[in-house]
Amino acid sequence: MKFNKSKLPSRHVSVGVKSAPHRSMYYAMGLKSEDIQKPFVGVATTWNEAAPCNITLSRQAQSAKKGVKSAGGTPREFTTITVTDGIAMGHAGMKSSLISREVIADSVELTMRGHCYDALIGLAGCDKSLPGLMMVMLRLNVPSVFIYGGSILPGNFKGKDVTIVDVFEGVGKQSTGKMSKEDLLELESVACPSGGSCGGQFTANTMACVSEAIGLALPGSAGTPAVYETRDKFAVASGEAVMNLIEKNIRPRDIVTRKSLENAAVIVAASGGSTNAALHLPAIANEAGIKFTLEDVTNISKKTPYIADLKPGGKYVAKDLYEIGGVPILIKALLDGGFLHEDCLTVSGKTIAENHKDIVFPPNQKIIYKTSKPLSSSGGFVGLKGNLAPDGAIVKVAGMKRRKFKGKAKCFDGEPSALNAVLDRKIKPGDVIVIRYEGPRGSPGMPEMLSTTGAIYGQGLGEEVALITDGRFSGGTHGFSIGHVGPEAAVGGPIGLIKNGDVIEIDADKGLLKVNLSSKELIKRKKKWKPKKIEYTSGTLWKYSQSVGPAFKGAVTHPGAFKEKKCYADI
């Protein structure tokens, strides 16, 4: 491949007399003159020792760099942060999780801008790192390829595959005497046997499926478990692919369109994926200047069949999907059923239909079903609206038997008090747990509630109680757990006006979430309502609370390409 740097960002730090000081810095790092004259490719990873999700990414980055070099580029590796939900869950650390998505995107943007890199390869493991890297690819709009670091291998407990969610639910079981302390200790020691991201169709694997469906990752790259060295071939291929994108000037905004966002929402719905996708897809769309909200995501779910029997709503884990052919099998089933836009461009340089034309749907397996014989005729989650959620809310229905609920509210201003109430056995069948002031602005940070929902399920109350919140849920959450209720309590949303004993109705079939109060009564309560002061009045959490927007638009912190006047790729 031959490259002309006259229009590439790196010309500012590598070409001409004025770049002599910059080139001197590169010589100090062992680069030769011919290396400096090649396109600079940022290789961003979320490698760290915070969690198993990220621990294999440094190895995979070296393979990506080999691919870049072999195709005529100069790779420049750097890292950024992650916050790992499995460790941040159930305490104040969870406020940092969603915020980390923005910090990841912002930090990669600054590194790319500051050093004038021409292209980007992003390797991610933990939940928020996947959308964070995809967001910054759209923001910068330089040729980019996404690589998922791969899932963890399943644990084995008493002859059954287990994941980290089983441990969260084990805490609830132990609180009711359904599990001994000894068994819980054994479970925690075997649930996570390797490096890689959580093994069910939780947020990481959901967004990994999105990366292929939306076109930012090479076909088949998301499925291989993290510890398998065969992952490295995808990293090498991704390095080669990004150089091809530079040569052809194919940019992320050429790939991520309204149609490809719809494809992404389809694969989330069909796989019973995480409700967090309803935050991340609008946020990715914002970077491209495309209006795509929670309502768009949930409307697509209505007309998408649920075809993947994956945890937490189903039986199988990511490794099982890999063994029958990985994400391409899921995409193939949806293409064959006519549920995906076939003409969407991908980082391979081909359309999604061209990428999968030779894929053969495997018979004699029960992990992915054909769309003609789905597990359910509609997708894995449902959008809800009503006087309690004028801006909308979302519930994951994959695997649920019960789709209607009516009960009396038990209100908690924050998750910790709700979790304590569950563990102290103060929650009874028929209760509707209301957790408010956990929205993007009010918490701040919109924490996940897996500790609470896991404890509820562990106590056997999964479909006997409901939970509504202006916060959000882990991809591992299932049962009557309704999140993203908006407007959030902190800005005067109706969820902040509910009192103990108010009757709440939920109807997933009708898409209804309401409290049995008149408009007159809600107006009366709103007049008496006073904003709750947040406890975080400095630092990153405060900065986030000042800029974050509503959940139904993705909880983003800047106006995106809608207000862009100069794209970084064209500097």
Protein backbone atom coordinates (compact mmCIF):
# COMPACT_ATOMS: atom_id res chain seq x y z
CA MET A 1 0.00 0.00 0.00
CA LYS A 2 1.12 3.53 -0.78
CA PHE A 3 0.04 6.46 1.32
CA ASN A 4 0.07 10.20 0.75
CA LYS A 5 0.41 12.04 4.05
CA SER A 6 -0.51 15.41 2.56
CA LYS A 7 -4.07 15.14 3.87
CA LEU A 8 -3.48 12.96 6.95
CA PRO A 9 -3.41 14.48 10.46
CA SER A 10 0.10 13.14 11.15
CA ARG A 11 1.60 15.51 8.56
CA HIS A 12 1.50 18.14 11.32
CA VAL A 13 4.07 16.19 13.37
CA SER A 14 6.10 14.37 10.74
CA VAL A 15 6.44 16.35 7.48
CA GLY A 16 8.56 19.39 6.72
CA VAL A 17 11.14 21.52 8.49
CA LYS A 18 8.77 22.64 11.24
CA SER A 19 8.29 19.03 12.32
CA ALA A 20 11.99 18.51 13.10
CA PRO A 21 11.44 18.72 16.91
CA HIS A 22 8.54 16.28 16.65
CA ARG A 23 10.59 13.79 14.62
CA SER A 24 13.35 14.08 17.20
CA MET A 25 10.94 12.77 19.83
CA TYR A 26 10.10 9.79 17.64
CA TYR A 27 13.79 9.01 17.07
CA ALA A 28 14.16 8.89 20.85
CA MET A 29 11.67 6.00 20.90
CA GLY A 30 13.57 3.97 18.31
CA LEU A 31 11.64 4.91 15.18
CA LYS A 32 13.50 5.31 11.90
CA SER A 33 12.93 7.95 9.26
CA GLU A 34 10.93 5.56 7.09
CA ASP A 35 8.65 4.73 10.09
CA ILE A 36 7.91 8.42 10.64
CA GLN A 37 6.90 8.84 7.00
CA LYS A 38 4.20 6.18 7.30
CA PRO A 39 0.66 6.76 8.63
CA PHE A 40 0.47 6.78 12.44
CA VAL A 41 -2.13 4.38 13.83
CA GLY A 42 -3.21 4.76 17.46
CA VAL A 43 -3.67 1.36 19.12
CA ALA A 44 -5.79 2.12 22.18
CA THR A 45 -6.46 -0.56 24.77
CA THR A 46 -8.21 -0.67 28.09
CA TRP A 47 -5.59 -3.07 29.44
CA ASN A 48 -5.20 -2.93 33.20
CA GLU A 49 -5.15 -5.13 36.26
CA ALA A 50 -8.55 -3.97 37.49
CA ALA A 51 -10.41 -7.05 36.26
CA PRO A 52 -10.15 -10.21 34.15
CA CYS A 53 -12.04 -8.40 31.36
CA ASN A 54 -8.95 -6.44 30.38
CA ILE A 55 -6.05 -8.67 31.30
CA THR A 56 -5.47 -10.16 27.81
CA LEU A 57 -5.67 -6.92 25.88
CA SER A 58 -1.97 -6.05 25.98
CA ARG A 59 -1.12 -9.36 24.26
CA GLN A 60 -3.76 -8.77 21.60
CA ALA A 61 -2.53 -5.22 21.02
CA GLN A 62 0.89 -6.56 20.01
CA SER A 63 -0.77 -8.65 17.32
CA ALA A 64 -2.76 -5.65 16.08
CA LYS A 65 0.49 -3.69 15.83
CA LYS A 66 2.03 -6.49 13.74
CA GLY A 67 -0.91 -6.20 11.34
CA VAL A 68 -0.45 -2.43 11.06
CA LYS A 69 3.29 -2.79 10.38
CA SER A 70 2.84 -5.52 7.79
CA ALA A 71 0.41 -3.30 5.87
CA GLY A 72 2.65 -0.23 5.83
CA GLY A 73 1.72 1.72 8.95
CA THR A 74 3.39 2.79 12.18
CA PRO A 75 1.43 1.74 15.28
CA ARG A 76 1.50 3.82 18.45
CA GLU A 77 0.11 1.97 21.45
CA PHE A 78 -1.51 3.69 24.42
CA THR A 79 -3.90 2.76 27.20
CA THR A 80 -6.90 4.27 28.89
CA ILE A 81 -8.95 3.55 32.00
CA THR A 82 -11.79 1.19 32.75
CA VAL A 83 -14.11 0.79 35.68
CA THR A 84 -15.11 -2.81 36.15
CA ASP A 85 -18.77 -3.25 37.04
CA GLY A 86 -18.32 -6.60 38.74
CA ILE A 87 -16.09 -4.96 41.34
CA ALA A 88 -17.77 -1.52 41.39
CA MET A 89 -21.22 -3.06 41.92
CA GLY A 90 -23.27 -2.56 45.08
CA HIS A 91 -21.44 0.42 46.58
CA ALA A 92 -20.56 4.02 45.76
CA GLY A 93 -17.93 2.87 43.28
CA MET A 94 -20.72 2.08 40.81
CA LYS A 95 -21.25 5.82 40.31
CA SER A 96 -17.98 5.77 38.39
CA SER A 97 -19.04 3.12 35.87
CA LEU A 98 -21.10 4.97 33.26
CA ILE A 99 -18.97 8.07 33.70
CA SER A 100 -15.96 5.96 32.69
CA ARG A 101 -17.51 5.59 29.21
CA GLU A 102 -17.17 9.34 28.71
CA VAL A 103 -13.68 9.45 30.22
CA ILE A 104 -12.55 6.62 27.94
CA ALA A 105 -13.88 8.42 24.86
CA ASP A 106 -12.49 11.77 26.01
CA SER A 107 -9.03 10.42 26.89
CA VAL A 108 -8.65 8.58 23.58
CA GLU A 109 -9.81 11.70 21.74
CA LEU A 110 -7.20 13.81 23.51
CA THR A 111 -4.39 11.33 22.83
CA MET A 112 -5.33 11.10 19.15
CA ARG A 113 -5.69 14.88 18.78
CA GLY A 114 -2.57 15.70 20.75
CA HIS A 115 -0.33 13.47 18.63
CA CYS A 116 -2.16 13.77 15.30
CA TYR A 117 -2.69 10.07 14.70
CA ASP A 118 -4.25 9.09 11.39
CA ALA A 119 -6.29 6.05 12.36
CA LEU A 120 -7.44 4.14 15.39
CA ILE A 121 -7.65 0.53 16.53
CA GLY A 122 -9.54 0.12 19.79
CA LEU A 123 -9.35 -2.99 21.99
CA ALA A 124 -11.89 -3.22 24.80
CA GLY A 125 -12.96 -5.66 27.51
CA CYS A 126 -15.17 -4.21 30.28
CA ASP A 127 -18.74 -3.07 29.66
CA LYS A 128 -18.30 0.68 29.23
CA SER A 129 -15.04 0.43 27.33
CA LEU A 130 -16.77 -1.04 24.28
CA PRO A 131 -19.20 1.85 23.65
CA GLY A 132 -16.57 4.34 24.85
CA LEU A 133 -14.15 3.29 22.10
CA MET A 134 -16.88 3.08 19.46
CA MET A 135 -18.05 6.58 20.43
CA VAL A 136 -14.62 8.11 20.00
CA MET A 137 -14.19 6.41 16.62
CA LEU A 138 -17.29 8.25 15.40
CA ARG A 139 -16.21 11.46 17.13
CA LEU A 140 -12.79 11.59 15.48
CA ASN A 141 -13.98 9.99 12.22
CA VAL A 142 -10.55 8.71 11.25
CA PRO A 143 -10.39 5.17 9.77
CA SER A 144 -11.02 2.86 12.73
CA VAL A 145 -11.42 -0.81 13.63
CA PHE A 146 -12.85 -2.10 16.90
CA ILE A 147 -11.66 -5.33 18.55
CA TYR A 148 -13.42 -7.03 21.45
CA GLY A 149 -11.01 -8.67 23.87
CA GLY A 150 -13.18 -11.77 24.21
CA SER A 151 -15.30 -13.41 26.89
CA ILE A 152 -14.30 -15.34 29.96
CA LEU A 153 -14.60 -19.12 30.04
CA PRO A 154 -17.60 -20.38 32.03
CA GLY A 155 -17.07 -21.58 35.58
CA ASN A 156 -18.36 -24.94 36.77
CA PHE A 157 -20.24 -25.40 40.04
CA LYS A 158 -21.77 -28.72 40.92
CA GLY A 159 -21.74 -29.77 37.28
CA LYS A 160 -23.35 -26.61 35.86
CA ASP A 161 -21.88 -23.67 33.92
CA VAL A 162 -21.87 -20.53 36.06
CA THR A 163 -21.04 -16.85 35.65
CA ILE A 164 -20.44 -13.90 37.95
CA VAL A 165 -24.23 -13.31 38.05
CA ASP A 166 -24.64 -16.66 39.82
CA VAL A 167 -22.38 -15.30 42.58
CA PHE A 168 -24.48 -12.13 42.94
CA GLU A 169 -27.60 -14.31 43.14
CA GLY A 170 -25.77 -16.59 45.57
CA VAL A 171 -25.58 -13.67 48.04
CA GLY A 172 -29.38 -13.53 48.00
CA LYS A 173 -29.67 -17.30 48.37
CA GLN A 174 -27.32 -17.31 51.32
CA SER A 175 -29.37 -14.57 53.03
CA THR A 176 -32.43 -16.86 52.96
CA GLY A 177 -30.61 -20.05 53.92
CA LYS A 178 -30.99 -21.52 50.41
CA MET A 179 -27.22 -21.69 50.08
CA SER A 180 -24.63 -22.41 52.73
CA LYS A 181 -21.66 -20.14 53.36
CA GLU A 182 -19.42 -23.01 52.31
CA ASP A 183 -21.18 -23.40 48.96
CA LEU A 184 -21.07 -19.62 48.36
CA LEU A 185 -17.32 -19.64 49.05
CA GLU A 186 -16.87 -22.50 46.60
CA LEU A 187 -19.03 -20.75 43.99
CA GLU A 188 -17.08 -17.49 44.21
CA SER A 189 -13.81 -19.40 43.74
CA VAL A 190 -14.87 -21.16 40.51
CA ALA A 191 -17.22 -18.69 38.79
CA CYS A 192 -14.48 -16.77 36.95
CA PRO A 193 -11.84 -19.27 35.81
CA SER A 194 -9.95 -17.17 33.23
CA GLY A 195 -9.32 -13.78 31.73
CA GLY A 196 -12.07 -12.21 29.65
CA SER A 197 -15.36 -10.37 30.02
CA CYS A 198 -18.45 -11.76 31.76
CA GLY A 199 -19.65 -14.83 29.89
CA GLY A 200 -23.41 -14.34 29.49
CA GLN A 201 -25.24 -12.02 27.12
CA PHE A 202 -24.56 -9.22 29.53
CA THR A 203 -23.41 -5.74 28.47
CA ALA A 204 -19.91 -6.64 27.24
CA ASN A 205 -21.04 -9.49 24.98
CA THR A 206 -24.09 -7.50 23.90
CA MET A 207 -21.91 -4.61 22.72
CA ALA A 208 -19.46 -7.10 21.20
CA CYS A 209 -22.34 -8.38 19.03
CA VAL A 210 -23.13 -4.74 18.24
CA SER A 211 -19.55 -4.13 17.07
CA GLU A 212 -19.97 -6.72 14.32
CA ALA A 213 -23.57 -5.82 13.44
CA ILE A 214 -22.87 -2.08 13.25
CA GLY A 215 -19.86 -2.73 11.04
CA LEU A 216 -16.97 -1.44 13.17
CA ALA A 217 -15.43 -4.88 13.84
CA LEU A 218 -14.33 -7.61 11.47
CA PRO A 219 -16.82 -10.46 11.06
CA GLY A 220 -16.22 -13.24 13.55
CA SER A 221 -13.85 -11.20 15.70
CA ALA A 222 -16.11 -10.90 18.75
CA GLY A 223 -16.75 -14.54 19.56
CA THR A 224 -13.42 -16.18 20.39
CA PRO A 225 -12.81 -16.45 24.18
CA ALA A 226 -10.20 -14.06 25.53
CA VAL A 227 -7.62 -16.67 26.54
CA TYR A 228 -7.59 -18.45 23.18
CA GLU A 229 -4.50 -17.48 21.24
CA THR A 230 -6.53 -17.78 18.04
CA ARG A 231 -7.89 -14.35 18.97
CA ASP A 232 -4.59 -12.93 17.83
CA LYS A 233 -5.31 -13.66 14.17
CA PHE A 234 -8.27 -11.27 14.37
CA ALA A 235 -6.02 -8.63 15.92
CA VAL A 236 -3.49 -9.00 13.09
CA ALA A 237 -6.30 -8.85 10.53
CA SER A 238 -7.71 -5.74 12.22
CA GLY A 239 -4.33 -4.02 11.91
CA GLU A 240 -4.27 -4.83 8.21
CA ALA A 241 -7.89 -3.76 7.81
CA VAL A 242 -7.33 -0.29 9.28
CA MET A 243 -4.56 0.35 6.75
CA ASN A 244 -6.93 -0.63 3.95
CA LEU A 245 -9.47 1.84 5.34
CA ILE A 246 -6.83 4.61 5.29
CA GLU A 247 -5.99 3.81 1.67
CA LYS A 248 -9.66 3.87 0.62
CA ASN A 249 -10.56 6.74 3.00
CA ILE A 250 -13.42 4.78 4.53
CA ARG A 251 -14.37 6.45 7.79
CA PRO A 252 -16.57 5.41 10.73
CA ARG A 253 -19.38 7.78 9.69
CA ASP A 254 -19.45 6.03 6.30
CA ILE A 255 -20.12 2.80 8.20
CA VAL A 256 -22.33 3.88 11.12
CA THR A 257 -25.53 5.15 9.57
CA ARG A 258 -29.17 5.12 10.57
CA LYS A 259 -29.47 1.70 8.93
CA SER A 260 -26.46 0.20 10.74
CA LEU A 261 -27.73 1.55 14.07
CA GLU A 262 -31.00 -0.22 13.37
CA ASN A 263 -29.02 -3.40 12.63
CA ALA A 264 -27.29 -2.99 15.98
CA ALA A 265 -30.60 -2.61 17.81
CA VAL A 266 -31.93 -5.71 16.04
CA ILE A 267 -29.05 -7.88 17.21
CA VAL A 268 -29.45 -6.64 20.79
CA ALA A 269 -33.16 -7.47 20.76
CA ALA A 270 -32.69 -10.83 19.03
CA SER A 271 -30.00 -11.95 21.45
CA GLY A 272 -31.82 -10.96 24.64
CA GLY A 273 -29.04 -8.46 25.22
CA SER A 274 -28.44 -5.86 27.87
CA THR A 275 -30.77 -2.90 28.37
CA ASN A 276 -27.60 -0.82 28.60
CA ALA A 277 -27.55 -0.91 24.80
CA ALA A 278 -30.44 1.56 24.98
CA LEU A 279 -27.96 4.01 26.51
CA HIS A 280 -24.99 3.16 24.34
CA LEU A 281 -26.57 3.12 20.88
CA PRO A 282 -28.02 6.65 21.28
CA ALA A 283 -24.61 7.80 22.57
CA ILE A 284 -22.83 6.31 19.54
CA ALA A 285 -25.45 7.89 17.26
CA ASN A 286 -24.88 11.28 18.90
CA GLU A 287 -21.23 11.17 17.88
CA ALA A 288 -22.30 10.71 14.26
CA GLY A 289 -25.01 13.37 14.38
CA ILE A 290 -27.84 10.85 14.07
CA LYS A 291 -30.97 11.09 16.21
CA PHE A 292 -31.50 7.64 17.74
CA THR A 293 -33.16 7.37 21.15
CA LEU A 294 -34.32 4.77 23.66
CA GLU A 295 -37.69 4.75 21.88
CA ASP A 296 -36.03 3.85 18.57
CA VAL A 297 -34.26 0.94 20.24
CA THR A 298 -37.38 -0.40 21.95
CA ASN A 299 -39.58 0.03 18.85
CA ILE A 300 -37.14 -2.14 16.92
CA SER A 301 -37.35 -4.76 19.67
CA LYS A 302 -41.14 -4.97 19.18
CA LYS A 303 -40.71 -6.31 15.65
CA THR A 304 -37.58 -8.41 16.19
CA PRO A 305 -37.80 -12.09 17.13
CA TYR A 306 -35.88 -13.27 20.16
CA ILE A 307 -33.70 -16.14 18.88
CA ALA A 308 -30.70 -16.57 21.20
CA ASP A 309 -30.99 -18.84 24.26
CA LEU A 310 -28.23 -17.04 26.16
CA LYS A 311 -27.87 -16.16 29.84
CA PRO A 312 -29.28 -14.47 31.84
CA GLY A 313 -32.68 -15.12 30.23
CA GLY A 314 -31.55 -18.41 28.68
CA LYS A 315 -29.23 -21.36 29.25
CA TYR A 316 -26.00 -20.78 27.34
CA VAL A 317 -22.88 -18.60 27.53
CA ALA A 318 -20.65 -16.84 25.00
CA LYS A 319 -18.31 -19.82 24.66
CA ASP A 320 -21.25 -21.95 23.53
CA LEU A 321 -22.08 -19.41 20.83
CA TYR A 322 -18.44 -19.38 19.73
CA GLU A 323 -18.43 -23.16 19.37
CA ILE A 324 -21.25 -23.07 16.81
CA GLY A 325 -19.68 -20.26 14.80
CA GLY A 326 -19.95 -17.12 16.91
CA VAL A 327 -21.74 -13.85 16.17
CA PRO A 328 -21.83 -14.52 12.39
CA ILE A 329 -24.37 -17.29 13.07
CA LEU A 330 -26.67 -14.84 14.84
CA ILE A 331 -26.21 -12.30 12.04
CA LYS A 332 -26.80 -14.97 9.39
CA ALA A 333 -30.09 -16.03 11.00
CA LEU A 334 -31.25 -12.40 11.03
CA LEU A 335 -30.13 -11.79 7.44
CA ASP A 336 -31.92 -14.92 6.26
CA GLY A 337 -35.06 -13.76 8.05
CA GLY A 338 -34.91 -10.32 6.44
CA PHE A 339 -34.39 -8.44 9.71
CA LEU A 340 -31.14 -6.64 8.83
CA HIS A 341 -30.28 -3.99 6.25
CA GLU A 342 -28.01 -5.97 3.90
CA ASP A 343 -26.28 -3.05 2.21
CA CYS A 344 -24.53 -1.55 5.23
CA LEU A 345 -20.78 -1.04 4.75
CA THR A 346 -18.35 -2.62 7.28
CA VAL A 347 -14.65 -2.27 8.14
CA SER A 348 -13.90 -5.24 5.90
CA GLY A 349 -14.68 -2.95 2.97
CA LYS A 350 -17.65 -5.17 2.14
CA THR A 351 -21.31 -5.02 3.11
CA ILE A 352 -22.69 -7.04 5.99
CA ALA A 353 -24.47 -9.30 3.49
CA GLU A 354 -21.24 -9.90 1.54
CA ASN A 355 -19.41 -10.73 4.80
CA HIS A 356 -21.91 -13.48 5.62
CA LYS A 357 -22.92 -14.89 2.23
CA ASP A 358 -20.95 -18.11 2.76
CA ILE A 359 -21.98 -18.67 6.39
CA VAL A 360 -23.99 -21.88 6.85
CA PHE A 361 -26.53 -21.91 9.68
CA PRO A 362 -25.66 -24.90 11.89
CA PRO A 363 -28.33 -27.56 12.45
CA ASN A 364 -28.70 -29.69 15.59
CA GLN A 365 -27.99 -26.93 18.09
CA LYS A 366 -30.27 -25.06 20.49
CA ILE A 367 -28.34 -21.86 21.07
CA ILE A 368 -29.44 -19.77 18.07
CA TYR A 369 -32.87 -20.36 16.54
CA LYS A 370 -34.08 -19.44 13.09
CA THR A 371 -36.33 -16.39 12.93
CA SER A 372 -39.12 -18.59 11.58
CA LYS A 373 -39.10 -20.56 14.85
CA PRO A 374 -38.03 -18.03 17.52
CA LEU A 375 -38.06 -18.30 21.27
CA SER A 376 -40.42 -15.32 21.17
CA SER A 377 -41.95 -13.29 18.36
CA SER A 378 -40.68 -10.04 19.86
CA GLY A 379 -37.28 -8.99 21.18
CA GLY A 380 -35.65 -9.34 24.56
CA PHE A 381 -36.67 -5.96 25.96
CA VAL A 382 -39.69 -3.67 25.99
CA GLY A 383 -40.10 0.10 26.18
CA LEU A 384 -42.54 1.48 28.73
CA LYS A 385 -44.27 4.86 29.02
CA GLY A 386 -46.96 6.38 31.20
CA ASN A 387 -47.48 9.01 33.88
CA LEU A 388 -44.55 7.55 35.82
CA ALA A 389 -42.19 7.61 32.82
CA PRO A 390 -43.11 10.35 30.30
CA ASP A 391 -39.64 10.07 28.72
CA GLY A 392 -39.79 6.29 28.74
CA ALA A 393 -38.28 3.33 30.55
CA ILE A 394 -37.03 -0.12 29.60
CA VAL A 395 -37.43 -3.68 30.91
CA LYS A 396 -35.67 -6.87 29.84
CA VAL A 397 -38.34 -9.52 29.21
CA ALA A 398 -36.15 -12.29 27.77
CA GLY A 399 -36.96 -15.47 29.64
CA MET A 400 -39.74 -13.86 31.72
CA LYS A 401 -43.02 -15.72 32.23
CA ARG A 402 -44.90 -12.86 33.86
CA ARG A 403 -45.40 -9.64 31.86
CA LYS A 404 -47.88 -7.73 34.05
CA PHE A 405 -47.48 -6.52 37.61
CA LYS A 406 -49.46 -4.41 40.08
CA GLY A 407 -48.32 -3.63 43.58
CA LYS A 408 -47.64 -1.05 46.27
CA ALA A 409 -44.54 1.12 46.22
CA LYS A 410 -41.70 0.82 48.71
CA CYS A 411 -39.53 3.86 48.11
CA PHE A 412 -35.79 4.24 48.60
CA ASP A 413 -33.67 7.28 47.86
CA GLY A 414 -30.63 5.38 46.60
CA GLU A 415 -29.72 1.72 46.09
CA PRO A 416 -27.86 0.97 49.37
CA SER A 417 -30.98 1.28 51.52
CA ALA A 418 -32.95 -0.84 49.04
CA LEU A 419 -30.30 -3.57 49.05
CA ASN A 420 -30.27 -3.62 52.85
CA ALA A 421 -34.05 -3.95 52.88
CA VAL A 422 -33.84 -6.95 50.53
CA LEU A 423 -31.10 -8.66 52.52
CA ASP A 424 -33.00 -7.98 55.77
CA ARG A 425 -36.05 -9.75 54.27
CA LYS A 426 -38.22 -6.60 54.39
CA ILE A 427 -39.36 -6.99 50.78
CA LYS A 428 -42.39 -9.22 50.25
CA PRO A 429 -44.19 -10.67 47.21
CA GLY A 430 -46.31 -7.99 45.55
CA ASP A 431 -44.00 -5.10 46.47
CA VAL A 432 -42.78 -2.61 43.89
CA ILE A 433 -39.34 -1.42 44.95
CA VAL A 434 -38.76 2.19 43.84
CA ILE A 435 -35.12 3.29 43.76
CA ARG A 436 -34.76 6.93 42.79
CA TYR A 437 -32.09 9.62 42.73
CA GLU A 438 -29.86 7.16 40.88
CA GLY A 439 -30.21 8.78 37.44
CA PRO A 440 -27.34 10.23 35.39
CA ARG A 441 -27.54 13.65 37.07
CA GLY A 442 -28.95 12.80 40.48
CA SER A 443 -26.69 9.96 41.57
CA PRO A 444 -24.57 11.14 39.74
CA GLY A 445 -23.49 8.42 37.34
CA MET A 446 -26.60 6.23 36.90
CA PRO A 447 -25.41 3.12 38.76
CA GLU A 448 -26.37 -0.47 37.97
CA MET A 449 -28.52 -2.38 40.45
CA LEU A 450 -27.21 -5.94 40.02
CA SER A 451 -26.47 -6.36 43.71
CA THR A 452 -30.12 -5.66 44.50
CA THR A 453 -31.68 -7.57 41.59
CA GLY A 454 -29.29 -10.47 42.12
CA ALA A 455 -30.29 -10.66 45.79
CA ILE A 456 -33.98 -10.54 44.83
CA TYR A 457 -33.58 -13.40 42.38
CA GLY A 458 -31.47 -15.35 44.84
CA GLN A 459 -34.30 -15.12 47.38
CA GLY A 460 -36.70 -16.58 44.81
CA LEU A 461 -38.59 -13.31 44.37
CA GLY A 462 -37.52 -12.64 40.77
CA GLU A 463 -41.05 -12.42 39.36
CA GLU A 464 -42.82 -11.91 42.70
CA VAL A 465 -41.62 -8.34 43.18
CA ALA A 466 -40.95 -5.52 40.73
CA LEU A 467 -38.24 -2.87 40.81
CA ILE A 468 -38.32 0.49 39.06
CA THR A 469 -35.48 2.99 39.03
CA ASP A 470 -34.12 6.06 37.27
CA GLY A 471 -30.81 4.21 37.45
CA ARG A 472 -29.95 1.28 35.24
CA PHE A 473 -29.32 -2.44 35.35
CA SER A 474 -26.51 -4.83 34.62
CA GLY A 475 -26.82 -6.91 31.50
CA GLY A 476 -26.98 -9.78 33.96
CA THR A 477 -30.25 -8.53 35.47
CA HIS A 478 -33.49 -10.32 34.67
CA GLY A 479 -36.99 -10.33 36.11
CA PHE A 480 -39.36 -7.37 36.60
CA SER A 481 -36.57 -4.77 36.70
CA ILE A 482 -37.43 -1.49 35.00
CA GLY A 483 -34.68 1.04 34.46
CA HIS A 484 -33.97 4.38 32.77
CA VAL A 485 -37.23 5.81 34.17
CA GLY A 486 -37.32 9.37 32.94
CA PRO A 487 -37.35 12.18 33.68
CA GLU A 488 -35.18 11.20 36.65
CA ALA A 489 -36.06 12.20 40.19
CA ALA A 490 -33.27 14.77 40.41
CA VAL A 491 -34.93 16.97 37.80
CA GLY A 492 -38.43 16.60 39.22
CA GLY A 493 -39.53 13.47 37.35
CA PRO A 494 -42.66 11.66 38.62
CA ILE A 495 -40.57 8.84 40.10
CA GLY A 496 -39.43 11.36 42.72
CA LEU A 497 -43.03 12.13 43.71
CA ILE A 498 -44.10 8.58 44.61
CA LYS A 499 -44.87 7.73 48.24
CA ASN A 500 -44.89 4.40 50.07
CA GLY A 501 -48.14 2.61 49.37
CA ASP A 502 -48.90 4.23 46.01
CA VAL A 503 -50.15 1.60 43.57
CA ILE A 504 -47.96 1.07 40.52
CA GLU A 505 -49.01 -0.82 37.40
CA ILE A 506 -46.65 -2.40 34.87
CA ASP A 507 -47.82 -3.95 31.60
CA ALA A 508 -45.02 -5.09 29.30
CA ASP A 509 -47.51 -6.11 26.60
CA LYS A 510 -49.05 -2.63 26.43
CA GLY A 511 -45.76 -0.83 27.16
CA LEU A 512 -47.28 0.83 30.24
CA LEU A 513 -45.73 2.11 33.45
CA LYS A 514 -48.05 4.17 35.61
CA VAL A 515 -48.84 5.12 39.17
CA ASN A 516 -52.52 5.21 40.13
CA LEU A 517 -52.56 8.91 40.90
CA SER A 518 -54.48 11.67 39.16
CA SER A 519 -52.73 14.41 37.23
CA LYS A 520 -54.06 16.83 39.82
CA GLU A 521 -52.39 14.88 42.65
CA LEU A 522 -49.06 14.66 40.79
CA ILE A 523 -49.14 18.42 40.15
CA LYS A 524 -49.88 19.01 43.84
CA ARG A 525 -46.92 16.86 44.88
CA LYS A 526 -44.64 18.51 42.31
CA LYS A 527 -45.35 21.94 43.86
CA LYS A 528 -44.15 20.62 47.23
CA TRP A 529 -41.13 18.80 45.81
CA LYS A 530 -37.68 20.15 46.47
CA PRO A 531 -34.52 19.10 44.62
CA LYS A 532 -32.34 16.76 46.61
CA LYS A 533 -28.83 18.05 47.12
CA ILE A 534 -26.17 15.76 45.67
CA GLU A 535 -23.34 14.75 47.94
CA TYR A 536 -20.69 15.08 45.25
CA THR A 537 -19.81 18.73 44.84
CA SER A 538 -16.32 18.47 43.39
CA GLY A 539 -14.24 16.28 41.12
CA THR A 540 -15.23 14.17 38.12
CA LEU A 541 -18.63 13.14 39.49
CA TRP A 542 -19.60 16.79 39.95
CA LYS A 543 -18.38 17.73 36.47
CA TYR A 544 -20.41 14.90 34.98
CA SER A 545 -23.57 15.94 36.85
CA GLN A 546 -23.30 19.44 35.40
CA SER A 547 -23.15 18.34 31.77
CA VAL A 548 -24.95 15.01 31.42
CA GLY A 549 -28.18 14.79 29.46
CA PRO A 550 -31.20 12.50 29.91
CA ALA A 551 -30.99 8.73 29.75
CA PHE A 552 -33.33 8.36 26.77
CA LYS A 553 -30.82 10.31 24.64
CA GLY A 554 -27.89 8.21 25.87
CA ALA A 555 -26.77 10.20 28.94
CA VAL A 556 -24.23 12.06 26.82
CA THR A 557 -22.15 15.01 27.94
CA HIS A 558 -21.65 17.00 24.73
CA PRO A 559 -23.72 17.89 21.63
CA GLY A 560 -21.94 15.47 19.31
CA ALA A 561 -21.68 15.90 15.55
CA PHE A 562 -24.94 17.88 15.56
CA LYS A 563 -22.88 20.95 16.58
CA GLU A 564 -19.55 20.01 14.98
CA LYS A 565 -17.93 22.62 12.72
CA LYS A 566 -14.59 20.92 12.04
CA CYS A 567 -14.06 17.15 12.01
CA TYR A 568 -10.74 15.98 13.52
CA ALA A 569 -10.06 13.74 10.52
CA ASP A 570 -9.89 16.84 8.32
CA ILE A 571 -7.50 18.97 10.37
